[in-house]
Amino acid sequence: MPRIEETVYSSCSGTVEKVLTKKDNHVYEWERLFLIKANNGKIEEISIGISGHVTSLNVKDGQKVDTETALAVIKDDWIITGSE
């Protein structure tokens, strides 16, 4: 199987309210990884549609981010965890 790493980006500009994972953690599809307080005050939940291991965690609580900020990198484990 090919090694696929996916970069997780912020969906908005704002401040990292809470980092919900750690480096080397295993995460599941659509698991909440970050909470971002957008500049408009709304809390945005950040997740990704793959499961795998967090190989890089690039932000911490309180950090300013925008839509080009790479929050984390996840190595896909190729395990399908969806349900019907």
PDB file of N, CA and C in Angstrom:
ATOM      1  N   MET A   1       0.827  -1.186   0.000  1.00  0.00           N
ATOM      2  CA  MET A   1       0.000   0.000   0.000  1.00  0.00           C
ATOM      3  C   MET A   1       0.877   1.257   0.000  1.00  0.00           C
ATOM      4  N   PRO A   2       0.458   2.265  -0.730  1.00  0.00           N
ATOM      5  CA  PRO A   2       1.243   3.497  -0.727  1.00  0.00           C
ATOM      6  C   PRO A   2       1.115   4.219   0.618  1.00  0.00           C
ATOM      7  N   ARG A   3       2.136   4.926   0.974  1.00  0.00           N
ATOM      8  CA  ARG A   3       2.096   5.731   2.203  1.00  0.00           C
ATOM      9  C   ARG A   3       1.490   7.079   1.846  1.00  0.00           C
ATOM     10  N   ILE A   4       0.366   7.383   2.435  1.00  0.00           N
ATOM     11  CA  ILE A   4      -0.315   8.645   2.168  1.00  0.00           C
ATOM     12  C   ILE A   4      -0.342   9.464   3.454  1.00  0.00           C
ATOM     13  N   GLU A   5       0.145  10.685   3.363  1.00  0.00           N
ATOM     14  CA  GLU A   5       0.053  11.610   4.480  1.00  0.00           C
ATOM     15  C   GLU A   5      -0.839  12.772   4.061  1.00  0.00           C
ATOM     16  N   GLU A   6      -1.781  13.088   4.908  1.00  0.00           N
ATOM     17  CA  GLU A   6      -2.710  14.185   4.651  1.00  0.00           C
ATOM     18  C   GLU A   6      -2.441  15.321   5.625  1.00  0.00           C
ATOM     19  N   THR A   7      -2.355  16.523   5.101  1.00  0.00           N
ATOM     20  CA  THR A   7      -2.199  17.701   5.937  1.00  0.00           C
ATOM     21  C   THR A   7      -3.578  18.235   6.290  1.00  0.00           C
ATOM     22  N   VAL A   8      -3.772  18.545   7.560  1.00  0.00           N
ATOM     23  CA  VAL A   8      -5.032  19.106   8.047  1.00  0.00           C
ATOM     24  C   VAL A   8      -4.855  20.621   8.147  1.00  0.00           C
ATOM     25  N   TYR A   9      -5.718  21.359   7.450  1.00  0.00           N
ATOM     26  CA  TYR A   9      -5.660  22.825   7.447  1.00  0.00           C
ATOM     27  C   TYR A   9      -6.845  23.392   8.215  1.00  0.00           C
ATOM     28  N   SER A  10      -6.683  24.595   8.705  1.00  0.00           N
ATOM     29  CA  SER A  10      -7.780  25.288   9.357  1.00  0.00           C
ATOM     30  C   SER A  10      -8.818  25.667   8.309  1.00  0.00           C
ATOM     31  N   SER A  11     -10.077  25.592   8.684  1.00  0.00           N
ATOM     32  CA  SER A  11     -11.153  25.964   7.757  1.00  0.00           C
ATOM     33  C   SER A  11     -11.494  27.447   7.850  1.00  0.00           C
ATOM     34  N   CYS A  12     -10.848  28.156   8.784  1.00  0.00           N
ATOM     35  CA  CYS A  12     -11.164  29.574   8.982  1.00  0.00           C
ATOM     36  C   CYS A  12      -9.982  30.291   9.620  1.00  0.00           C
ATOM     37  N   SER A  13     -10.074  31.600   9.650  1.00  0.00           N
ATOM     38  CA  SER A  13      -9.098  32.400  10.383  1.00  0.00           C
ATOM     39  C   SER A  13      -9.612  32.602  11.793  1.00  0.00           C
ATOM     40  N   GLY A  14      -8.702  32.505  12.763  1.00  0.00           N
ATOM     41  CA  GLY A  14      -9.109  32.679  14.151  1.00  0.00           C
ATOM     42  C   GLY A  14      -8.018  32.221  15.098  1.00  0.00           C
ATOM     43  N   THR A  15      -8.445  31.667  16.226  1.00  0.00           N
ATOM     44  CA  THR A  15      -7.534  31.235  17.282  1.00  0.00           C
ATOM     45  C   THR A  15      -7.836  29.789  17.657  1.00  0.00           C
ATOM     46  N   VAL A  16      -6.775  28.994  17.846  1.00  0.00           N
ATOM     47  CA  VAL A  16      -6.963  27.609  18.287  1.00  0.00           C
ATOM     48  C   VAL A  16      -7.519  27.650  19.706  1.00  0.00           C
ATOM     49  N   GLU A  17      -8.749  27.200  19.850  1.00  0.00           N
ATOM     50  CA  GLU A  17      -9.405  27.162  21.157  1.00  0.00           C
ATOM     51  C   GLU A  17      -8.923  25.935  21.939  1.00  0.00           C
ATOM     52  N   LYS A  18      -8.827  24.783  21.234  1.00  0.00           N
ATOM     53  CA  LYS A  18      -8.431  23.541  21.911  1.00  0.00           C
ATOM     54  C   LYS A  18      -7.866  22.557  20.898  1.00  0.00           C
ATOM     55  N   VAL A  19      -6.696  21.997  21.208  1.00  0.00           N
ATOM     56  CA  VAL A  19      -6.134  20.881  20.441  1.00  0.00           C
ATOM     57  C   VAL A  19      -6.637  19.616  21.116  1.00  0.00           C
ATOM     58  N   LEU A  20      -7.358  18.760  20.366  1.00  0.00           N
ATOM     59  CA  LEU A  20      -8.012  17.590  20.932  1.00  0.00           C
ATOM     60  C   LEU A  20      -7.247  16.287  20.695  1.00  0.00           C
ATOM     61  N   THR A  21      -6.056  16.368  20.153  1.00  0.00           N
ATOM     62  CA  THR A  21      -5.252  15.174  19.887  1.00  0.00           C
ATOM     63  C   THR A  21      -3.804  15.467  20.246  1.00  0.00           C
ATOM     64  N   LYS A  22      -2.959  14.453  20.147  1.00  0.00           N
ATOM     65  CA  LYS A  22      -1.521  14.602  20.420  1.00  0.00           C
ATOM     66  C   LYS A  22      -0.737  13.934  19.311  1.00  0.00           C
ATOM     67  N   LYS A  23       0.540  14.317  19.178  1.00  0.00           N
ATOM     68  CA  LYS A  23       1.427  13.674  18.211  1.00  0.00           C
ATOM     69  C   LYS A  23       1.502  12.183  18.545  1.00  0.00           C
ATOM     70  N   ASP A  24       1.530  11.363  17.511  1.00  0.00           N
ATOM     71  CA  ASP A  24       1.589   9.898  17.592  1.00  0.00           C
ATOM     72  C   ASP A  24       0.262   9.244  17.982  1.00  0.00           C
ATOM     73  N   ASN A  25      -0.794  10.026  18.271  1.00  0.00           N
ATOM     74  CA  ASN A  25      -2.112   9.438  18.534  1.00  0.00           C
ATOM     75  C   ASN A  25      -2.672   8.800  17.272  1.00  0.00           C
ATOM     76  N   HIS A  26      -3.487   7.760  17.447  1.00  0.00           N
ATOM     77  CA  HIS A  26      -4.292   7.229  16.357  1.00  0.00           C
ATOM     78  C   HIS A  26      -5.602   7.993  16.373  1.00  0.00           C
ATOM     79  N   VAL A  27      -6.053   8.453  15.212  1.00  0.00           N
ATOM     80  CA  VAL A  27      -7.322   9.165  15.108  1.00  0.00           C
ATOM     81  C   VAL A  27      -8.218   8.443  14.104  1.00  0.00           C
ATOM     82  N   TYR A  28      -9.507   8.608  14.262  1.00  0.00           N
ATOM     83  CA  TYR A  28     -10.498   7.961  13.408  1.00  0.00           C
ATOM     84  C   TYR A  28     -11.112   8.959  12.441  1.00  0.00           C
ATOM     85  N   GLU A  29     -11.698   8.426  11.365  1.00  0.00           N
ATOM     86  CA  GLU A  29     -12.371   9.282  10.385  1.00  0.00           C
ATOM     87  C   GLU A  29     -13.360  10.205  11.097  1.00  0.00           C
ATOM     88  N   TRP A  30     -13.328  11.470  10.748  1.00  0.00           N
ATOM     89  CA  TRP A  30     -14.236  12.511  11.207  1.00  0.00           C
ATOM     90  C   TRP A  30     -14.175  12.754  12.706  1.00  0.00           C
ATOM     91  N   GLU A  31     -13.138  12.231  13.393  1.00  0.00           N
ATOM     92  CA  GLU A  31     -12.933  12.556  14.801  1.00  0.00           C
ATOM     93  C   GLU A  31     -12.559  14.035  14.915  1.00  0.00           C
ATOM     94  N   ARG A  32     -13.095  14.717  15.904  1.00  0.00           N
ATOM     95  CA  ARG A  32     -12.737  16.123  16.122  1.00  0.00           C
ATOM     96  C   ARG A  32     -11.279  16.202  16.554  1.00  0.00           C
ATOM     97  N   LEU A  33     -10.501  17.020  15.858  1.00  0.00           N
ATOM     98  CA  LEU A  33      -9.075  17.153  16.147  1.00  0.00           C
ATOM     99  C   LEU A  33      -8.736  18.503  16.782  1.00  0.00           C
ATOM    100  N   PHE A  34      -9.449  19.536  16.356  1.00  0.00           N
ATOM    101  CA  PHE A  34      -9.191  20.895  16.830  1.00  0.00           C
ATOM    102  C   PHE A  34     -10.506  21.647  16.947  1.00  0.00           C
ATOM    103  N   LEU A  35     -10.540  22.601  17.874  1.00  0.00           N
ATOM    104  CA  LEU A  35     -11.617  23.585  17.937  1.00  0.00           C
ATOM    105  C   LEU A  35     -10.974  24.936  17.668  1.00  0.00           C
ATOM    106  N   ILE A  36     -11.498  25.629  16.671  1.00  0.00           N
ATOM    107  CA  ILE A  36     -10.985  26.939  16.280  1.00  0.00           C
ATOM    108  C   ILE A  36     -12.068  27.977  16.547  1.00  0.00           C
ATOM    109  N   LYS A  37     -11.707  29.030  17.276  1.00  0.00           N
ATOM    110  CA  LYS A  37     -12.643  30.143  17.462  1.00  0.00           C
ATOM    111  C   LYS A  37     -12.401  31.111  16.317  1.00  0.00           C
ATOM    112  N   ALA A  38     -13.344  31.125  15.379  1.00  0.00           N
ATOM    113  CA  ALA A  38     -13.230  31.978  14.192  1.00  0.00           C
ATOM    114  C   ALA A  38     -13.288  33.446  14.587  1.00  0.00           C
ATOM    115  N   ASN A  39     -12.808  34.288  13.698  1.00  0.00           N
ATOM    116  CA  ASN A  39     -12.804  35.732  13.956  1.00  0.00           C
ATOM    117  C   ASN A  39     -14.203  36.287  14.199  1.00  0.00           C
ATOM    118  N   ASN A  40     -15.246  35.581  13.714  1.00  0.00           N
ATOM    119  CA  ASN A  40     -16.624  36.020  13.937  1.00  0.00           C
ATOM    120  C   ASN A  40     -17.185  35.509  15.268  1.00  0.00           C
ATOM    121  N   GLY A  41     -16.352  34.773  16.056  1.00  0.00           N
ATOM    122  CA  GLY A  41     -16.768  34.285  17.371  1.00  0.00           C
ATOM    123  C   GLY A  41     -17.314  32.875  17.377  1.00  0.00           C
ATOM    124  N   LYS A  42     -17.605  32.318  16.217  1.00  0.00           N
ATOM    125  CA  LYS A  42     -18.160  30.968  16.123  1.00  0.00           C
ATOM    126  C   LYS A  42     -17.050  29.926  16.331  1.00  0.00           C
ATOM    127  N   ILE A  43     -17.365  28.828  17.034  1.00  0.00           N
ATOM    128  CA  ILE A  43     -16.421  27.731  17.232  1.00  0.00           C
ATOM    129  C   ILE A  43     -16.547  26.749  16.067  1.00  0.00           C
ATOM    130  N   GLU A  44     -15.460  26.528  15.352  1.00  0.00           N
ATOM    131  CA  GLU A  44     -15.412  25.594  14.228  1.00  0.00           C
ATOM    132  C   GLU A  44     -14.711  24.313  14.671  1.00  0.00           C
ATOM    133  N   GLU A  45     -15.317  23.151  14.361  1.00  0.00           N
ATOM    134  CA  GLU A  45     -14.710  21.859  14.654  1.00  0.00           C
ATOM    135  C   GLU A  45     -13.932  21.405  13.432  1.00  0.00           C
ATOM    136  N   ILE A  46     -12.678  21.010  13.624  1.00  0.00           N
ATOM    137  CA  ILE A  46     -11.825  20.567  12.527  1.00  0.00           C
ATOM    138  C   ILE A  46     -11.646  19.059  12.624  1.00  0.00           C
ATOM    139  N   SER A  47     -11.941  18.357  11.527  1.00  0.00           N
ATOM    140  CA  SER A  47     -11.759  16.905  11.440  1.00  0.00           C
ATOM    141  C   SER A  47     -11.329  16.574  10.012  1.00  0.00           C
ATOM    142  N   ILE A  48     -11.019  15.293   9.771  1.00  0.00           N
ATOM    143  CA  ILE A  48     -10.588  14.868   8.436  1.00  0.00           C
ATOM    144  C   ILE A  48     -11.180  13.490   8.161  1.00  0.00           C
ATOM    145  N   GLY A  49     -11.409  13.188   6.897  1.00  0.00           N
ATOM    146  CA  GLY A  49     -12.088  11.962   6.501  1.00  0.00           C
ATOM    147  C   GLY A  49     -11.183  10.752   6.336  1.00  0.00           C
ATOM    148  N   ILE A  50     -10.105  10.669   7.117  1.00  0.00           N
ATOM    149  CA  ILE A  50      -9.255   9.478   7.110  1.00  0.00           C
ATOM    150  C   ILE A  50      -8.942   9.094   8.545  1.00  0.00           C
ATOM    151  N   SER A  51      -8.549   7.841   8.736  1.00  0.00           N
ATOM    152  CA  SER A  51      -8.036   7.420  10.031  1.00  0.00           C
ATOM    153  C   SER A  51      -6.544   7.168   9.879  1.00  0.00           C
ATOM    154  N   GLY A  52      -5.818   7.303  10.962  1.00  0.00           N
ATOM    155  CA  GLY A  52      -4.382   7.085  10.902  1.00  0.00           C
ATOM    156  C   GLY A  52      -3.684   7.647  12.119  1.00  0.00           C
ATOM    157  N   HIS A  53      -2.376   7.868  11.991  1.00  0.00           N
ATOM    158  CA  HIS A  53      -1.563   8.350  13.096  1.00  0.00           C
ATOM    159  C   HIS A  53      -1.100   9.791  12.844  1.00  0.00           C
ATOM    160  N   VAL A  54      -1.157  10.591  13.886  1.00  0.00           N
ATOM    161  CA  VAL A  54      -0.709  11.976  13.817  1.00  0.00           C
ATOM    162  C   VAL A  54       0.822  11.965  13.808  1.00  0.00           C
ATOM    163  N   THR A  55       1.401  12.346  12.687  1.00  0.00           N
ATOM    164  CA  THR A  55       2.867  12.357  12.579  1.00  0.00           C
ATOM    165  C   THR A  55       3.458  13.721  12.881  1.00  0.00           C
ATOM    166  N   SER A  56       2.640  14.760  12.815  1.00  0.00           N
ATOM    167  CA  SER A  56       3.113  16.107  13.095  1.00  0.00           C
ATOM    168  C   SER A  56       1.956  16.927  13.639  1.00  0.00           C
ATOM    169  N   LEU A  57       2.203  17.636  14.719  1.00  0.00           N
ATOM    170  CA  LEU A  57       1.211  18.531  15.313  1.00  0.00           C
ATOM    171  C   LEU A  57       1.847  19.909  15.327  1.00  0.00           C
ATOM    172  N   ASN A  58       1.274  20.848  14.562  1.00  0.00           N
ATOM    173  CA  ASN A  58       1.947  22.109  14.278  1.00  0.00           C
ATOM    174  C   ASN A  58       1.425  23.322  15.036  1.00  0.00           C
ATOM    175  N   VAL A  59       0.371  23.164  15.830  1.00  0.00           N
ATOM    176  CA  VAL A  59      -0.205  24.307  16.549  1.00  0.00           C
ATOM    177  C   VAL A  59      -0.487  23.929  17.994  1.00  0.00           C
ATOM    178  N   LYS A  60      -0.719  24.962  18.808  1.00  0.00           N
ATOM    179  CA  LYS A  60      -1.100  24.736  20.197  1.00  0.00           C
ATOM    180  C   LYS A  60      -2.219  25.693  20.587  1.00  0.00           C
ATOM    181  N   ASP A  61      -2.839  25.430  21.716  1.00  0.00           N
ATOM    182  CA  ASP A  61      -3.934  26.268  22.201  1.00  0.00           C
ATOM    183  C   ASP A  61      -3.502  27.732  22.229  1.00  0.00           C
ATOM    184  N   GLY A  62      -4.398  28.605  21.770  1.00  0.00           N
ATOM    185  CA  GLY A  62      -4.154  30.040  21.807  1.00  0.00           C
ATOM    186  C   GLY A  62      -3.451  30.602  20.586  1.00  0.00           C
ATOM    187  N   GLN A  63      -3.006  29.718  19.684  1.00  0.00           N
ATOM    188  CA  GLN A  63      -2.266  30.181  18.497  1.00  0.00           C
ATOM    189  C   GLN A  63      -3.218  30.739  17.447  1.00  0.00           C
ATOM    190  N   LYS A  64      -2.820  31.828  16.808  1.00  0.00           N
ATOM    191  CA  LYS A  64      -3.586  32.412  15.697  1.00  0.00           C
ATOM    192  C   LYS A  64      -3.363  31.560  14.456  1.00  0.00           C
ATOM    193  N   VAL A  65      -4.440  31.321  13.684  1.00  0.00           N
ATOM    194  CA  VAL A  65      -4.368  30.523  12.458  1.00  0.00           C
ATOM    195  C   VAL A  65      -5.189  31.183  11.363  1.00  0.00           C
ATOM    196  N   ASP A  66      -4.935  30.762  10.121  1.00  0.00           N
ATOM    197  CA  ASP A  66      -5.779  31.146   8.994  1.00  0.00           C
ATOM    198  C   ASP A  66      -5.959  29.917   8.107  1.00  0.00           C
ATOM    199  N   THR A  67      -6.590  30.094   6.960  1.00  0.00           N
ATOM    200  CA  THR A  67      -6.924  28.947   6.107  1.00  0.00           C
ATOM    201  C   THR A  67      -5.709  28.300   5.461  1.00  0.00           C
ATOM    202  N   GLU A  68      -4.553  28.928   5.562  1.00  0.00           N
ATOM    203  CA  GLU A  68      -3.329  28.340   5.017  1.00  0.00           C
ATOM    204  C   GLU A  68      -2.454  27.716   6.107  1.00  0.00           C
ATOM    205  N   THR A  69      -2.941  27.707   7.342  1.00  0.00           N
ATOM    206  CA  THR A  69      -2.178  27.146   8.454  1.00  0.00           C
ATOM    207  C   THR A  69      -2.333  25.630   8.471  1.00  0.00           C
ATOM    208  N   ALA A  70      -1.194  24.924   8.394  1.00  0.00           N
ATOM    209  CA  ALA A  70      -1.188  23.458   8.508  1.00  0.00           C
ATOM    210  C   ALA A  70      -1.251  23.116   9.990  1.00  0.00           C
ATOM    211  N   LEU A  71      -2.365  22.537  10.424  1.00  0.00           N
ATOM    212  CA  LEU A  71      -2.560  22.220  11.833  1.00  0.00           C
ATOM    213  C   LEU A  71      -1.853  20.935  12.230  1.00  0.00           C
ATOM    214  N   ALA A  72      -1.902  19.929  11.348  1.00  0.00           N
ATOM    215  CA  ALA A  72      -1.326  18.616  11.649  1.00  0.00           C
ATOM    216  C   ALA A  72      -1.124  17.843  10.358  1.00  0.00           C
ATOM    217  N   VAL A  73      -0.356  16.756  10.457  1.00  0.00           N
ATOM    218  CA  VAL A  73      -0.193  15.807   9.353  1.00  0.00           C
ATOM    219  C   VAL A  73      -0.569  14.431   9.895  1.00  0.00           C
ATOM    220  N   ILE A  74      -1.383  13.701   9.118  1.00  0.00           N
ATOM    221  CA  ILE A  74      -1.847  12.373   9.521  1.00  0.00           C
ATOM    222  C   ILE A  74      -1.452  11.367   8.451  1.00  0.00           C
ATOM    223  N   LYS A  75      -0.829  10.269   8.881  1.00  0.00           N
ATOM    224  CA  LYS A  75      -0.468   9.170   7.982  1.00  0.00           C
ATOM    225  C   LYS A  75      -1.652   8.210   7.933  1.00  0.00           C
ATOM    226  N   ASP A  76      -2.266   8.080   6.758  1.00  0.00           N
ATOM    227  CA  ASP A  76      -3.438   7.225   6.560  1.00  0.00           C
ATOM    228  C   ASP A  76      -3.083   5.775   6.860  1.00  0.00           C
ATOM    229  N   ASP A  77      -3.939   5.102   7.641  1.00  0.00           N
ATOM    230  CA  ASP A  77      -3.698   3.695   7.952  1.00  0.00           C
ATOM    231  C   ASP A  77      -4.485   2.742   7.042  1.00  0.00           C
ATOM    232  N   TRP A  78      -5.261   3.306   6.125  1.00  0.00           N
ATOM    233  CA  TRP A  78      -6.021   2.534   5.136  1.00  0.00           C
ATOM    234  C   TRP A  78      -7.068   1.615   5.760  1.00  0.00           C
ATOM    235  N   ILE A  79      -7.477   1.899   6.987  1.00  0.00           N
ATOM    236  CA  ILE A  79      -8.535   1.107   7.616  1.00  0.00           C
ATOM    237  C   ILE A  79      -9.846   1.855   7.432  1.00  0.00           C
ATOM    238  N   ILE A  80     -10.800   1.204   6.812  1.00  0.00           N
ATOM    239  CA  ILE A  80     -12.114   1.817   6.575  1.00  0.00           C
ATOM    240  C   ILE A  80     -12.936   1.630   7.839  1.00  0.00           C
ATOM    241  N   THR A  81     -13.361   2.739   8.436  1.00  0.00           N
ATOM    242  CA  THR A  81     -14.069   2.660   9.717  1.00  0.00           C
ATOM    243  C   THR A  81     -15.496   3.201   9.638  1.00  0.00           C
ATOM    244  N   GLY A  82     -15.980   3.524   8.460  1.00  0.00           N
ATOM    245  CA  GLY A  82     -17.333   4.059   8.310  1.00  0.00           C
ATOM    246  C   GLY A  82     -18.387   3.016   8.596  1.00  0.00           C
ATOM    247  N   SER A  83     -19.627   3.469   8.744  1.00  0.00           N
ATOM    248  CA  SER A  83     -20.749   2.557   8.965  1.00  0.00           C
ATOM    249  C   SER A  83     -21.933   3.014   8.145  1.00  0.00           C
ATOM    250  N   GLU A  84     -22.891   2.141   8.010  1.00  0.00           N
ATOM    251  CA  GLU A  84     -24.089   2.472   7.236  1.00  0.00           C
ATOM    252  C   GLU A  84     -25.179   3.006   8.102  1.00  0.00           C
TER     253      GLU A  84
END
